[in-house]
């Protein structure tokens, strides 16, 4: 390679060339994005990670060597160009290019590497499937928009490190090979060769280790860290993802919230040039659910839920009354100006609600003549329908959608419906950033599947002091010192004040159904550490991938991760996961058996 380069040195990146460098000689290196000929000139668009610059070969005056090499160049060849920076004539200025006012007059040209024809055009807005892009991800990463996302991710990490360093945080790495403590998502397991039959787990988060660091006296820890969860994927989920993780000692909830608001303010100022208003709105979990049907509400628009249980209670309408008798409720939203929706469109909204567990929707159309068209007219008189409309503040042209079921279903269905209607009405401005903290989450929630209480966040979250008195008698009503940062309907970060009392931690394990022996087996190293002076502590973790996705306006976190997985957690580029040699399995004491489906 040294012989190939023959002493050539890149003087700058493509888009660093500017008008102030006119007359200077530069050497640029990169990939040929496109080549076109016009008259006696050949125009080469040269691309590197920063973008594109135009190089011009005057075929009438260039050397035979340059002419020969120029004729050989094809798309995606890697070349080195040496030449003088010159200003473009006014009619040739390209306002859509960062370097659109200058070009390079080629005086030297060298082919550094050749390329086959790529499977798709290396340019933005190319019409190509996600699968093909990810199979050739190294080519996809050459596209300016994707490369820009990756570089912006780097900038965010640098801002975070600089900010937290100045705040007195210490960056400490925690182990990747650790103990499986199943409580939450499934672990990825790693077999041990030197301990046959035993397994490490890849961390779902550094939670326990960062708490141990607080016991160790490192009172401000952070880490930008890989985490792993073996769970079903969605647009904003990956089996491996990155957290901006932090933990602090001798603090309360307000301290954690303050430092993270200032961090977010700094990121948005430097990345987007936006001054985010602080402090952020705070909203208790109960209020968020009752107003928006979600613990991560999008507050860029209204359409809030209203409870009409008191208005319709005692009716002969079985759908409503059965829900009320079962401890549920009847709630709805007012889709303003949507009364003109045809029946087919209303039915499509019913289908959306059904995907979230609702059995259906009732609806009321508010007519211009102050009358109502509704699916429940046979069960309720005009006065009741009018009272319902007044509860929603409905006016002529509005569409009221009602759902009756247990509260969890009502909230899920109406929360999703609210967002769907907002998308259809184009109410969501991607440049309108609305932050809030959701606080006072339930400490526990009951799992019908496991027939026991499970932690709403994780087993190390502290209950609120004022609720400790009911932790034995009303565990379902105990609130947690937990807080989630929400941006435009997405949870970007979450954390809590941790339990630092061994007694309360044992109580928490008991509520989760663990015996003392079970708790010691799973978390004994933490419980033992708590015997040696644990400080009050708490923390928070941001989803870096999700934060970058929101800052770039990308549709999926796949667009901001260099080498992401697809929905079935496989890597199209490397064909992972894959089978391994029998010898490797034998060394690990593992035997792979066929599933029942494969046998049959």
Foldseek 3Di string as FASTA:
>chain_A
DCVQCVPDDFPDEALVDAPVQAFPKGKYKAWFQDWDDDDQKIWTWGADLQGTAIEIERNVPADPVVVVVVVVDDGGFIKMFIFGKHFDDPVQADPVDSHRGIHGYGHDMHGRGHDDDDPFRQEPPTPDDPLSCQQPVVSVCRYNLLSVLQVLLVVLVVLVVVLLVVVVADEDDDDQWADDQDADFDWDWAFDLVDFPDITTGAQDCVLVQLLVLLVVRFKYWYFDKHAGDDFDDQADFRIFTKGWIKGFPDALVVQLVSVVVSVQSSCCVQVVDRDDDDAAEAAQVRCCQFQLDLQHQPLDHQTKFFCQVLCEPWPPCQAPVLVVVVAGKMKTKLALCLPPDPVVVVVLQVLLVVLPFPGKWKWAQAPVRAIDTPCPVTDPRVSVVVVCVRNVDDHNMMMIMTGHHSNSRSRSRNRSVVVSCVVVVSDDLPDKHKYKHFFAQQWDADPVVRAIGGPVHLFWAWDPVCPVCCPPCSRPTTTQKMFMHISRDGFKIKHWTDLALVVSQVSCVRRPADPVRCCVSPVVSSVSSVNDRGGMMIMMGRSLVVSCSSSVNSGSVSNDSNGADRNNARSNVRPPDDDDPVVCVSNVHDDDDDPVVVD
